[in-house]
Amino acid sequence: MLAPLGLDPVEEETYRQLIASRRACAAEVAAATGRSDAAVRAALDGLVERGLVATATGAPADGGSVFVPAPPAVALNALLRQRQHDLRQAESDVAALAEQYRTADQAPGVIEVIADVDTVRRRFFQIQEAARHEVLSMVPPNLRVVPHRENTAERASMRRGVRYRALLDRRALTGPGMQADIRASMALGQDIRIVDAVPVKMMIVDGEIAMLPLHHDADGTPASILVHRSGLLAVLVASFEAAWERAYPLRPAPAPDEVTELTSGELGDGHMQVLALLLSGQTDQAIATQLDISLRTVHRRIRQLMDAAGVDSRVQLGWAAARNGWA
């Protein structure tokens, strides 16, 4: 547990034993932990150097030192703050190096061409592993260079809080096991919408870098390009967002390992009543009281309305309702 603070297993065990006993000599710690005297003495030297342990007065019969632990709330928090400082500094250094790479004369500039299939795969994983906020992707059928199930970086990034939004080509739903994979991604929190066709396989990370094929009509060719922050990248982001607004969300189907589209036609009178009251300015609680339903039901119906409209906020829902003639 204390390894992130720089303590090895013997040091951690030694410190925990001193916390439990409050004071002990090296031989006593070795006997309690089952570690060798040499290992415990080396660990104590390291702990003393870090300020986690100090020597005390009152030597044992063998003339050795007695050790006492520093209070964890003081000593460990100091180490923790130092580690946090080091991480912030490292993050700043990484950002500076990335900017230097982007702007240096020898850097690839706005567009970087990658032809080797192994390099393409490596960069595909690297840009996701570096994601901090959001990954946008367009997914055509028949992925070859990195099939959907092999994208382990996607699952790892979502688990650490990165948002994923994917536009899926409808033809991709017929791929072997694809619907089960989609349901698994949705269960991890990925937002997936479907369109009739996507023009090209594309991934955009944090609005700062995009990856897409060099030749979109060359079937199976691994050559790809990285588009760095530029006007061109802004156009790619805008293109994705425009397609996202027109796409339909996917949801789990009643049958296992299948998904289905959510459309406005599936919304009943109950949803329309909630929408009408919401657009009139009623609070969620007032809507629940007036319709004699639970507040949780109100929230669920509003969420379903937003999903059907393909929007992420209630303000956008109002615009979508007017545009689609729902109100």
C-alpha atoms as a PDB file:
ATOM      1  CA  MET A   1       0.000   0.000   0.000  1.00  0.00           C
ATOM      2  CA  LEU A   2       2.901   2.385   0.699  1.00  0.00           C
ATOM      3  CA  ALA A   3       4.907   1.433  -2.411  1.00  0.00           C
ATOM      4  CA  PRO A   4       3.734   4.596  -4.273  1.00  0.00           C
ATOM      5  CA  LEU A   5       5.458   6.606  -1.526  1.00  0.00           C
ATOM      6  CA  GLY A   6       8.773   4.919  -2.273  1.00  0.00           C
ATOM      7  CA  LEU A   7       8.826   2.235   0.444  1.00  0.00           C
ATOM      8  CA  ASP A   8       9.866  -1.273  -0.500  1.00  0.00           C
ATOM      9  CA  PRO A   9       8.070  -4.273   1.097  1.00  0.00           C
ATOM     10  CA  VAL A  10      10.640  -4.735   3.888  1.00  0.00           C
ATOM     11  CA  GLU A  11      10.583  -1.033   4.777  1.00  0.00           C
ATOM     12  CA  GLU A  12       6.791  -0.993   4.851  1.00  0.00           C
ATOM     13  CA  GLU A  13       6.608  -4.107   7.019  1.00  0.00           C
ATOM     14  CA  THR A  14       9.249  -2.718   9.365  1.00  0.00           C
ATOM     15  CA  TYR A  15       7.449   0.612   9.696  1.00  0.00           C
ATOM     16  CA  ARG A  16       4.103  -1.100  10.339  1.00  0.00           C
ATOM     17  CA  GLN A  17       5.683  -3.257  13.038  1.00  0.00           C
ATOM     18  CA  LEU A  18       7.118  -0.175  14.735  1.00  0.00           C
ATOM     19  CA  ILE A  19       3.696   1.489  14.578  1.00  0.00           C
ATOM     20  CA  ALA A  20       2.237  -1.547  16.327  1.00  0.00           C
ATOM     21  CA  SER A  21       4.951  -1.791  19.004  1.00  0.00           C
ATOM     22  CA  ARG A  22       5.727   1.933  19.260  1.00  0.00           C
ATOM     23  CA  ARG A  23       9.416   1.193  19.996  1.00  0.00           C
ATOM     24  CA  ALA A  24      11.687  -1.741  19.271  1.00  0.00           C
ATOM     25  CA  CYS A  25      15.235  -2.644  18.407  1.00  0.00           C
ATOM     26  CA  ALA A  26      16.254  -4.207  15.100  1.00  0.00           C
ATOM     27  CA  ALA A  27      16.375  -7.711  16.570  1.00  0.00           C
ATOM     28  CA  GLU A  28      12.831  -7.390  17.938  1.00  0.00           C
ATOM     29  CA  VAL A  29      11.491  -6.188  14.595  1.00  0.00           C
ATOM     30  CA  ALA A  30      13.291  -9.038  12.821  1.00  0.00           C
ATOM     31  CA  ALA A  31      11.778 -11.571  15.202  1.00  0.00           C
ATOM     32  CA  ALA A  32       8.271 -10.146  14.794  1.00  0.00           C
ATOM     33  CA  THR A  33       8.380  -9.960  11.004  1.00  0.00           C
ATOM     34  CA  GLY A  34      10.435 -13.050  10.264  1.00  0.00           C
ATOM     35  CA  ARG A  35      12.891 -10.970   8.246  1.00  0.00           C
ATOM     36  CA  SER A  36      16.655 -11.322   8.576  1.00  0.00           C
ATOM     37  CA  ASP A  37      18.552  -8.944  10.873  1.00  0.00           C
ATOM     38  CA  ALA A  38      20.468  -7.562   7.883  1.00  0.00           C
ATOM     39  CA  ALA A  39      17.289  -6.851   5.902  1.00  0.00           C
ATOM     40  CA  VAL A  40      15.621  -5.138   8.863  1.00  0.00           C
ATOM     41  CA  ARG A  41      18.694  -3.020   9.646  1.00  0.00           C
ATOM     42  CA  ALA A  42      18.895  -1.893   6.015  1.00  0.00           C
ATOM     43  CA  ALA A  43      15.183  -1.063   6.085  1.00  0.00           C
ATOM     44  CA  LEU A  44      15.597   0.902   9.323  1.00  0.00           C
ATOM     45  CA  ASP A  45      18.467   2.892   7.816  1.00  0.00           C
ATOM     46  CA  GLY A  46      16.254   3.803   4.883  1.00  0.00           C
ATOM     47  CA  LEU A  47      13.334   4.754   7.131  1.00  0.00           C
ATOM     48  CA  VAL A  48      15.575   6.923   9.316  1.00  0.00           C
ATOM     49  CA  GLU A  49      16.886   8.669   6.197  1.00  0.00           C
ATOM     50  CA  ARG A  50      13.317   9.419   5.067  1.00  0.00           C
ATOM     51  CA  GLY A  51      12.344  10.740   8.503  1.00  0.00           C
ATOM     52  CA  LEU A  52       9.841   7.946   9.128  1.00  0.00           C
ATOM     53  CA  VAL A  53      11.789   6.453  12.024  1.00  0.00           C
ATOM     54  CA  ALA A  54      14.059   7.913  14.703  1.00  0.00           C
ATOM     55  CA  THR A  55      16.358   6.441  17.322  1.00  0.00           C
ATOM     56  CA  ALA A  56      15.259   6.658  20.936  1.00  0.00           C
ATOM     57  CA  THR A  57      17.050   6.744  24.246  1.00  0.00           C
ATOM     58  CA  GLY A  58      17.232   3.564  26.289  1.00  0.00           C
ATOM     59  CA  ALA A  59      19.359   0.976  24.500  1.00  0.00           C
ATOM     60  CA  PRO A  60      18.654  -2.737  24.914  1.00  0.00           C
ATOM     61  CA  ALA A  61      21.061  -5.153  26.580  1.00  0.00           C
ATOM     62  CA  ASP A  62      22.974  -5.851  23.358  1.00  0.00           C
ATOM     63  CA  GLY A  63      23.879  -2.180  23.025  1.00  0.00           C
ATOM     64  CA  GLY A  64      21.931  -1.648  19.805  1.00  0.00           C
ATOM     65  CA  SER A  65      19.623   1.252  19.025  1.00  0.00           C
ATOM     66  CA  VAL A  66      15.959   1.486  19.880  1.00  0.00           C
ATOM     67  CA  PHE A  67      13.760   2.844  17.115  1.00  0.00           C
ATOM     68  CA  VAL A  68      10.463   4.733  17.310  1.00  0.00           C
ATOM     69  CA  PRO A  69       8.150   5.558  14.401  1.00  0.00           C
ATOM     70  CA  ALA A  70       7.331   9.099  13.364  1.00  0.00           C
ATOM     71  CA  PRO A  71       3.566   9.824  13.447  1.00  0.00           C
ATOM     72  CA  PRO A  72       2.105   8.593  10.132  1.00  0.00           C
ATOM     73  CA  ALA A  73      -0.152  11.627   9.722  1.00  0.00           C
ATOM     74  CA  VAL A  74       2.935  13.832   9.703  1.00  0.00           C
ATOM     75  CA  ALA A  75       5.635  11.735   8.084  1.00  0.00           C
ATOM     76  CA  LEU A  76       3.592   9.932   5.421  1.00  0.00           C
ATOM     77  CA  ASN A  77       1.628  13.029   4.430  1.00  0.00           C
ATOM     78  CA  ALA A  78       4.927  14.813   3.873  1.00  0.00           C
ATOM     79  CA  LEU A  79       6.037  12.019   1.532  1.00  0.00           C
ATOM     80  CA  LEU A  80       2.657  12.075  -0.169  1.00  0.00           C
ATOM     81  CA  ARG A  81       2.843  15.810  -0.802  1.00  0.00           C
ATOM     82  CA  GLN A  82       6.335  15.416  -2.232  1.00  0.00           C
ATOM     83  CA  ARG A  83       5.160  12.644  -4.578  1.00  0.00           C
ATOM     84  CA  GLN A  84       2.224  14.789  -5.701  1.00  0.00           C
ATOM     85  CA  HIS A  85       4.603  17.662  -6.371  1.00  0.00           C
ATOM     86  CA  ASP A  86       6.894  15.359  -8.357  1.00  0.00           C
ATOM     87  CA  LEU A  87       3.945  14.081 -10.425  1.00  0.00           C
ATOM     88  CA  ARG A  88       2.755  17.605 -11.186  1.00  0.00           C
ATOM     89  CA  GLN A  89       6.268  18.521 -12.250  1.00  0.00           C
ATOM     90  CA  ALA A  90       6.495  15.422 -14.428  1.00  0.00           C
ATOM     91  CA  GLU A  91       3.130  16.256 -16.020  1.00  0.00           C
ATOM     92  CA  SER A  92       4.387  19.754 -16.774  1.00  0.00           C
ATOM     93  CA  ASP A  93       7.587  18.357 -18.274  1.00  0.00           C
ATOM     94  CA  VAL A  94       5.639  15.930 -20.467  1.00  0.00           C
ATOM     95  CA  ALA A  95       3.442  18.778 -21.750  1.00  0.00           C
ATOM     96  CA  ALA A  96       6.540  20.867 -22.482  1.00  0.00           C
ATOM     97  CA  LEU A  97       8.189  17.989 -24.348  1.00  0.00           C
ATOM     98  CA  ALA A  98       5.014  17.375 -26.350  1.00  0.00           C
ATOM     99  CA  GLU A  99       4.868  21.033 -27.333  1.00  0.00           C
ATOM    100  CA  GLN A 100       8.567  21.004 -28.225  1.00  0.00           C
ATOM    101  CA  TYR A 101       8.012  17.922 -30.366  1.00  0.00           C
ATOM    102  CA  ARG A 102       5.077  19.571 -32.110  1.00  0.00           C
ATOM    103  CA  THR A 103       6.832  22.825 -32.881  1.00  0.00           C
ATOM    104  CA  ALA A 104      10.454  21.761 -33.439  1.00  0.00           C
ATOM    105  CA  ASP A 105      11.837  22.005 -36.971  1.00  0.00           C
ATOM    106  CA  GLN A 106      12.487  18.286 -37.086  1.00  0.00           C
ATOM    107  CA  ALA A 107       8.963  17.452 -35.891  1.00  0.00           C
ATOM    108  CA  PRO A 108       6.360  16.216 -38.380  1.00  0.00           C
ATOM    109  CA  GLY A 109       4.288  19.397 -38.192  1.00  0.00           C
ATOM    110  CA  VAL A 110       0.535  19.263 -38.615  1.00  0.00           C
ATOM    111  CA  ILE A 111       0.446  15.852 -40.312  1.00  0.00           C
ATOM    112  CA  GLU A 112       2.565  12.823 -39.467  1.00  0.00           C
ATOM    113  CA  VAL A 113       2.472   9.824 -41.816  1.00  0.00           C
ATOM    114  CA  ILE A 114       2.933   6.323 -40.371  1.00  0.00           C
ATOM    115  CA  ALA A 115       3.271   3.426 -42.795  1.00  0.00           C
ATOM    116  CA  ASP A 116       4.548   0.514 -40.697  1.00  0.00           C
ATOM    117  CA  VAL A 117       1.721  -1.607 -39.266  1.00  0.00           C
ATOM    118  CA  ASP A 118       3.458  -2.158 -35.911  1.00  0.00           C
ATOM    119  CA  THR A 119       4.024   1.577 -35.493  1.00  0.00           C
ATOM    120  CA  VAL A 120       0.401   2.262 -36.411  1.00  0.00           C
ATOM    121  CA  ARG A 121      -0.813  -0.143 -33.741  1.00  0.00           C
ATOM    122  CA  ARG A 122       1.573   1.274 -31.159  1.00  0.00           C
ATOM    123  CA  ARG A 123       0.509   4.872 -31.814  1.00  0.00           C
ATOM    124  CA  PHE A 124      -3.155   3.821 -31.744  1.00  0.00           C
ATOM    125  CA  PHE A 125      -2.696   2.577 -28.185  1.00  0.00           C
ATOM    126  CA  GLN A 126      -0.353   5.397 -27.112  1.00  0.00           C
ATOM    127  CA  ILE A 127      -2.690   8.266 -27.939  1.00  0.00           C
ATOM    128  CA  GLN A 128      -5.485   6.587 -25.945  1.00  0.00           C
ATOM    129  CA  GLU A 129      -3.193   5.910 -22.994  1.00  0.00           C
ATOM    130  CA  ALA A 130      -2.298   9.612 -22.976  1.00  0.00           C
ATOM    131  CA  ALA A 131      -5.969  10.728 -23.080  1.00  0.00           C
ATOM    132  CA  ARG A 132      -7.055  12.939 -20.198  1.00  0.00           C
ATOM    133  CA  HIS A 133     -10.658  13.879 -20.958  1.00  0.00           C
ATOM    134  CA  GLU A 134     -12.380  12.452 -24.041  1.00  0.00           C
ATOM    135  CA  VAL A 135     -11.863  10.164 -27.011  1.00  0.00           C
ATOM    136  CA  LEU A 136     -14.069  10.490 -30.095  1.00  0.00           C
ATOM    137  CA  SER A 137     -14.145   7.740 -32.693  1.00  0.00           C
ATOM    138  CA  MET A 138     -15.781   6.792 -35.963  1.00  0.00           C
ATOM    139  CA  VAL A 139     -16.053   3.032 -36.398  1.00  0.00           C
ATOM    140  CA  PRO A 140     -16.552   1.482 -39.850  1.00  0.00           C
ATOM    141  CA  PRO A 141     -17.259  -2.216 -40.402  1.00  0.00           C
ATOM    142  CA  ASN A 142     -14.495  -4.811 -40.705  1.00  0.00           C
ATOM    143  CA  LEU A 143     -11.746  -3.275 -38.576  1.00  0.00           C
ATOM    144  CA  ARG A 144      -8.459  -4.943 -39.488  1.00  0.00           C
ATOM    145  CA  VAL A 145      -5.393  -3.225 -38.039  1.00  0.00           C
ATOM    146  CA  VAL A 146      -6.794  -3.158 -34.478  1.00  0.00           C
ATOM    147  CA  PRO A 147     -10.036  -5.174 -34.164  1.00  0.00           C
ATOM    148  CA  HIS A 148     -12.496  -3.919 -31.556  1.00  0.00           C
ATOM    149  CA  ARG A 149     -11.800  -6.706 -29.057  1.00  0.00           C
ATOM    150  CA  GLU A 150      -8.061  -6.005 -29.153  1.00  0.00           C
ATOM    151  CA  ASN A 151      -8.440  -2.362 -28.122  1.00  0.00           C
ATOM    152  CA  THR A 152      -7.431  -2.904 -24.494  1.00  0.00           C
ATOM    153  CA  ALA A 153      -6.416   0.755 -24.160  1.00  0.00           C
ATOM    154  CA  GLU A 154     -10.052   1.783 -24.612  1.00  0.00           C
ATOM    155  CA  ARG A 155     -11.253  -0.238 -21.649  1.00  0.00           C
ATOM    156  CA  ALA A 156      -8.345   0.874 -19.461  1.00  0.00           C
ATOM    157  CA  SER A 157      -8.934   4.542 -20.309  1.00  0.00           C
ATOM    158  CA  MET A 158     -12.656   4.365 -19.543  1.00  0.00           C
ATOM    159  CA  ARG A 159     -11.897   2.747 -16.185  1.00  0.00           C
ATOM    160  CA  ARG A 160      -9.730   5.734 -15.250  1.00  0.00           C
ATOM    161  CA  GLY A 161     -12.463   8.206 -16.166  1.00  0.00           C
ATOM    162  CA  VAL A 162     -11.866   9.130 -19.811  1.00  0.00           C
ATOM    163  CA  ARG A 163     -15.132   9.646 -21.690  1.00  0.00           C
ATOM    164  CA  TYR A 164     -15.560   7.737 -24.962  1.00  0.00           C
ATOM    165  CA  ARG A 165     -18.052   8.672 -27.679  1.00  0.00           C
ATOM    166  CA  ALA A 166     -18.289   6.444 -30.737  1.00  0.00           C
ATOM    167  CA  LEU A 167     -20.147   6.820 -34.033  1.00  0.00           C
ATOM    168  CA  LEU A 168     -20.818   3.353 -35.401  1.00  0.00           C
ATOM    169  CA  ASP A 169     -21.460   2.455 -39.021  1.00  0.00           C
ATOM    170  CA  ARG A 170     -24.741   0.480 -39.081  1.00  0.00           C
ATOM    171  CA  ARG A 171     -23.085  -2.242 -41.167  1.00  0.00           C
ATOM    172  CA  ALA A 172     -20.664  -2.926 -38.316  1.00  0.00           C
ATOM    173  CA  LEU A 173     -23.522  -4.366 -36.238  1.00  0.00           C
ATOM    174  CA  THR A 174     -23.491  -7.505 -38.393  1.00  0.00           C
ATOM    175  CA  GLY A 175     -19.870  -8.346 -37.563  1.00  0.00           C
ATOM    176  CA  PRO A 176     -19.261 -11.541 -35.557  1.00  0.00           C
ATOM    177  CA  GLY A 177     -19.735 -10.836 -31.856  1.00  0.00           C
ATOM    178  CA  MET A 178     -19.860  -7.086 -32.495  1.00  0.00           C
ATOM    179  CA  GLN A 179     -23.152  -6.472 -30.684  1.00  0.00           C
ATOM    180  CA  ALA A 180     -21.903  -8.280 -27.576  1.00  0.00           C
ATOM    181  CA  ASP A 181     -18.728  -6.164 -27.694  1.00  0.00           C
ATOM    182  CA  ILE A 182     -20.819  -3.008 -28.020  1.00  0.00           C
ATOM    183  CA  ARG A 183     -22.910  -3.953 -24.991  1.00  0.00           C
ATOM    184  CA  ALA A 184     -19.723  -4.543 -22.993  1.00  0.00           C
ATOM    185  CA  SER A 185     -18.411  -1.103 -23.977  1.00  0.00           C
ATOM    186  CA  MET A 186     -21.735   0.507 -23.079  1.00  0.00           C
ATOM    187  CA  ALA A 187     -21.635  -1.207 -19.687  1.00  0.00           C
ATOM    188  CA  LEU A 188     -18.285   0.491 -19.060  1.00  0.00           C
ATOM    189  CA  GLY A 189     -19.874   3.862 -19.832  1.00  0.00           C
ATOM    190  CA  GLN A 190     -19.137   4.435 -23.512  1.00  0.00           C
ATOM    191  CA  ASP A 191     -21.680   6.552 -25.434  1.00  0.00           C
ATOM    192  CA  ILE A 192     -22.386   4.887 -28.785  1.00  0.00           C
ATOM    193  CA  ARG A 193     -24.588   6.199 -31.569  1.00  0.00           C
ATOM    194  CA  ILE A 194     -25.332   4.734 -34.957  1.00  0.00           C
ATOM    195  CA  VAL A 195     -25.380   6.248 -38.454  1.00  0.00           C
ATOM    196  CA  ASP A 196     -25.991   4.748 -41.879  1.00  0.00           C
ATOM    197  CA  ALA A 197     -22.294   5.027 -42.753  1.00  0.00           C
ATOM    198  CA  VAL A 198     -19.127   6.631 -41.465  1.00  0.00           C
ATOM    199  CA  PRO A 199     -16.715   7.971 -44.085  1.00  0.00           C
ATOM    200  CA  VAL A 200     -13.521   6.732 -42.472  1.00  0.00           C
ATOM    201  CA  LYS A 201     -12.078   5.136 -39.356  1.00  0.00           C
ATOM    202  CA  MET A 202     -11.049   8.037 -37.125  1.00  0.00           C
ATOM    203  CA  MET A 203     -10.053   8.726 -33.538  1.00  0.00           C
ATOM    204  CA  ILE A 204      -9.719  12.163 -31.909  1.00  0.00           C
ATOM    205  CA  VAL A 205      -8.149  12.474 -28.455  1.00  0.00           C
ATOM    206  CA  ASP A 206      -8.777  15.489 -26.208  1.00  0.00           C
ATOM    207  CA  GLY A 207      -9.307  17.682 -29.262  1.00  0.00           C
ATOM    208  CA  GLU A 208      -5.520  17.735 -29.681  1.00  0.00           C
ATOM    209  CA  ILE A 209      -4.649  14.858 -32.002  1.00  0.00           C
ATOM    210  CA  ALA A 210      -6.501  12.723 -34.532  1.00  0.00           C
ATOM    211  CA  MET A 211      -5.617   9.432 -36.174  1.00  0.00           C
ATOM    212  CA  LEU A 212      -7.129   8.221 -39.438  1.00  0.00           C
ATOM    213  CA  PRO A 213      -6.135   6.175 -42.507  1.00  0.00           C
ATOM    214  CA  LEU A 214      -3.866   7.720 -45.126  1.00  0.00           C
ATOM    215  CA  HIS A 215      -5.905   6.146 -47.936  1.00  0.00           C
ATOM    216  CA  HIS A 216      -9.531   5.681 -46.945  1.00  0.00           C
ATOM    217  CA  ASP A 217     -10.353   3.632 -50.065  1.00  0.00           C
ATOM    218  CA  ALA A 218      -7.378   1.247 -49.815  1.00  0.00           C
ATOM    219  CA  ASP A 219      -8.936  -1.782 -48.153  1.00  0.00           C
ATOM    220  CA  GLY A 220      -6.807  -3.165 -45.328  1.00  0.00           C
ATOM    221  CA  THR A 221      -3.855  -0.790 -45.856  1.00  0.00           C
ATOM    222  CA  PRO A 222      -2.352   0.065 -42.454  1.00  0.00           C
ATOM    223  CA  ALA A 223      -0.789   3.413 -43.448  1.00  0.00           C
ATOM    224  CA  SER A 224      -2.223   6.151 -41.241  1.00  0.00           C
ATOM    225  CA  ILE A 225      -1.793   9.833 -40.466  1.00  0.00           C
ATOM    226  CA  LEU A 226      -1.718  11.717 -37.188  1.00  0.00           C
ATOM    227  CA  VAL A 227      -3.220  15.199 -37.379  1.00  0.00           C
ATOM    228  CA  HIS A 228      -1.892  17.493 -34.667  1.00  0.00           C
ATOM    229  CA  ARG A 229      -3.577  20.595 -33.262  1.00  0.00           C
ATOM    230  CA  SER A 230      -4.432  22.809 -36.230  1.00  0.00           C
ATOM    231  CA  GLY A 231      -7.265  24.209 -38.306  1.00  0.00           C
ATOM    232  CA  LEU A 232      -7.521  20.832 -40.004  1.00  0.00           C
ATOM    233  CA  LEU A 233      -8.038  19.118 -36.661  1.00  0.00           C
ATOM    234  CA  ALA A 234     -10.753  21.649 -35.774  1.00  0.00           C
ATOM    235  CA  VAL A 235     -12.569  20.699 -38.995  1.00  0.00           C
ATOM    236  CA  LEU A 236     -12.364  16.993 -38.078  1.00  0.00           C
ATOM    237  CA  VAL A 237     -13.794  17.682 -34.627  1.00  0.00           C
ATOM    238  CA  ALA A 238     -16.621  19.774 -36.101  1.00  0.00           C
ATOM    239  CA  SER A 239     -17.384  17.019 -38.611  1.00  0.00           C
ATOM    240  CA  PHE A 240     -17.654  14.451 -35.845  1.00  0.00           C
ATOM    241  CA  GLU A 241     -19.907  16.650 -33.716  1.00  0.00           C
ATOM    242  CA  ALA A 242     -22.219  17.349 -36.655  1.00  0.00           C
ATOM    243  CA  ALA A 243     -22.564  13.634 -37.359  1.00  0.00           C
ATOM    244  CA  TRP A 244     -23.071  12.959 -33.635  1.00  0.00           C
ATOM    245  CA  GLU A 245     -26.052  15.319 -33.514  1.00  0.00           C
ATOM    246  CA  ARG A 246     -27.757  13.430 -36.348  1.00  0.00           C
ATOM    247  CA  ALA A 247     -27.024   9.933 -35.030  1.00  0.00           C
ATOM    248  CA  TYR A 248     -29.306   7.700 -32.964  1.00  0.00           C
ATOM    249  CA  PRO A 249     -28.167   6.350 -29.575  1.00  0.00           C
ATOM    250  CA  LEU A 250     -27.867   2.615 -29.063  1.00  0.00           C
ATOM    251  CA  ARG A 251     -29.220   0.774 -26.050  1.00  0.00           C
ATOM    252  CA  PRO A 252     -29.196  -2.865 -24.895  1.00  0.00           C
ATOM    253  CA  ALA A 253     -31.913  -4.946 -26.564  1.00  0.00           C
ATOM    254  CA  PRO A 254     -34.154  -7.373 -24.651  1.00  0.00           C
ATOM    255  CA  ALA A 255     -32.263 -10.288 -26.192  1.00  0.00           C
ATOM    256  CA  PRO A 256     -28.867 -10.961 -24.603  1.00  0.00           C
ATOM    257  CA  ASP A 257     -25.770  -9.777 -26.483  1.00  0.00           C
ATOM    258  CA  GLU A 258     -27.820  -7.538 -28.794  1.00  0.00           C
ATOM    259  CA  VAL A 259     -28.356  -3.789 -29.124  1.00  0.00           C
ATOM    260  CA  THR A 260     -31.042  -1.653 -30.693  1.00  0.00           C
ATOM    261  CA  GLU A 261     -31.566   1.963 -31.682  1.00  0.00           C
ATOM    262  CA  LEU A 262     -33.501   4.356 -29.506  1.00  0.00           C
ATOM    263  CA  THR A 263     -35.795   6.563 -31.609  1.00  0.00           C
ATOM    264  CA  SER A 264     -38.455   9.108 -30.800  1.00  0.00           C
ATOM    265  CA  GLY A 265     -41.129   6.665 -31.952  1.00  0.00           C
ATOM    266  CA  GLU A 266     -40.497   4.572 -28.853  1.00  0.00           C
ATOM    267  CA  LEU A 267     -41.446   7.415 -26.531  1.00  0.00           C
ATOM    268  CA  GLY A 268     -44.975   7.181 -25.196  1.00  0.00           C
ATOM    269  CA  ASP A 269     -47.510   9.665 -23.858  1.00  0.00           C
ATOM    270  CA  GLY A 270     -45.836   9.621 -20.461  1.00  0.00           C
ATOM    271  CA  HIS A 271     -42.632  10.936 -21.959  1.00  0.00           C
ATOM    272  CA  MET A 272     -44.485  13.624 -23.879  1.00  0.00           C
ATOM    273  CA  GLN A 273     -46.297  14.762 -20.726  1.00  0.00           C
ATOM    274  CA  VAL A 274     -43.004  15.093 -18.898  1.00  0.00           C
ATOM    275  CA  LEU A 275     -41.528  16.989 -21.844  1.00  0.00           C
ATOM    276  CA  ALA A 276     -44.468  19.406 -22.032  1.00  0.00           C
ATOM    277  CA  LEU A 277     -44.251  20.227 -18.331  1.00  0.00           C
ATOM    278  CA  LEU A 278     -40.475  20.503 -18.479  1.00  0.00           C
ATOM    279  CA  LEU A 279     -40.654  22.967 -21.363  1.00  0.00           C
ATOM    280  CA  SER A 280     -43.256  24.993 -19.453  1.00  0.00           C
ATOM    281  CA  GLY A 281     -40.687  25.607 -16.748  1.00  0.00           C
ATOM    282  CA  GLN A 282     -41.890  23.129 -14.110  1.00  0.00           C
ATOM    283  CA  THR A 283     -39.361  21.668 -11.684  1.00  0.00           C
ATOM    284  CA  ASP A 284     -38.750  17.936 -11.590  1.00  0.00           C
ATOM    285  CA  GLN A 285     -40.554  17.660  -8.265  1.00  0.00           C
ATOM    286  CA  ALA A 286     -43.541  19.631  -9.571  1.00  0.00           C
ATOM    287  CA  ILE A 287     -43.716  17.340 -12.613  1.00  0.00           C
ATOM    288  CA  ALA A 288     -43.651  14.267 -10.383  1.00  0.00           C
ATOM    289  CA  THR A 289     -46.445  15.661  -8.200  1.00  0.00           C
ATOM    290  CA  GLN A 290     -48.637  16.723 -11.108  1.00  0.00           C
ATOM    291  CA  LEU A 291     -48.309  13.393 -12.957  1.00  0.00           C
ATOM    292  CA  ASP A 292     -48.438  11.345  -9.745  1.00  0.00           C
ATOM    293  CA  ILE A 293     -45.180   9.535 -10.514  1.00  0.00           C
ATOM    294  CA  SER A 294     -41.921   9.232  -8.607  1.00  0.00           C
ATOM    295  CA  LEU A 295     -39.089  11.718  -8.990  1.00  0.00           C
ATOM    296  CA  ARG A 296     -36.908   8.853 -10.180  1.00  0.00           C
ATOM    297  CA  THR A 297     -39.378   8.136 -12.989  1.00  0.00           C
ATOM    298  CA  VAL A 298     -39.253  11.792 -14.039  1.00  0.00           C
ATOM    299  CA  HIS A 299     -35.467  11.665 -14.178  1.00  0.00           C
ATOM    300  CA  ARG A 300     -35.524   8.419 -16.180  1.00  0.00           C
ATOM    301  CA  ARG A 301     -37.996   9.772 -18.734  1.00  0.00           C
ATOM    302  CA  ILE A 302     -36.001  12.978 -19.176  1.00  0.00           C
ATOM    303  CA  ARG A 303     -32.866  10.901 -19.726  1.00  0.00           C
ATOM    304  CA  GLN A 304     -34.699   8.771 -22.313  1.00  0.00           C
ATOM    305  CA  LEU A 305     -35.948  11.922 -24.050  1.00  0.00           C
ATOM    306  CA  MET A 306     -32.407  13.263 -24.210  1.00  0.00           C
ATOM    307  CA  ASP A 307     -31.132   9.932 -25.567  1.00  0.00           C
ATOM    308  CA  ALA A 308     -33.828   9.855 -28.239  1.00  0.00           C
ATOM    309  CA  ALA A 309     -33.017  13.433 -29.228  1.00  0.00           C
ATOM    310  CA  GLY A 310     -29.302  12.706 -29.251  1.00  0.00           C
ATOM    311  CA  VAL A 311     -28.460  15.543 -26.858  1.00  0.00           C
ATOM    312  CA  ASP A 312     -26.553  15.866 -23.600  1.00  0.00           C
ATOM    313  CA  SER A 313     -28.360  18.673 -21.764  1.00  0.00           C
ATOM    314  CA  ARG A 314     -31.875  19.884 -21.043  1.00  0.00           C
ATOM    315  CA  VAL A 315     -31.273  23.095 -22.947  1.00  0.00           C
ATOM    316  CA  GLN A 316     -30.357  21.068 -26.033  1.00  0.00           C
ATOM    317  CA  LEU A 317     -33.460  18.931 -25.429  1.00  0.00           C
ATOM    318  CA  GLY A 318     -35.648  22.027 -25.762  1.00  0.00           C
ATOM    319  CA  TRP A 319     -34.094  22.879 -29.131  1.00  0.00           C
ATOM    320  CA  ALA A 320     -34.365  19.268 -30.316  1.00  0.00           C
ATOM    321  CA  ALA A 321     -38.022  19.040 -29.246  1.00  0.00           C
ATOM    322  CA  ALA A 322     -38.851  22.135 -31.286  1.00  0.00           C
ATOM    323  CA  ARG A 323     -36.862  20.905 -34.278  1.00  0.00           C
ATOM    324  CA  ASN A 324     -38.473  17.435 -34.233  1.00  0.00           C
ATOM    325  CA  GLY A 325     -42.002  18.700 -33.613  1.00  0.00           C
ATOM    326  CA  TRP A 326     -42.339  17.003 -30.228  1.00  0.00           C
ATOM    327  CA  ALA A 327     -43.771  20.079 -28.527  1.00  0.00           C
END
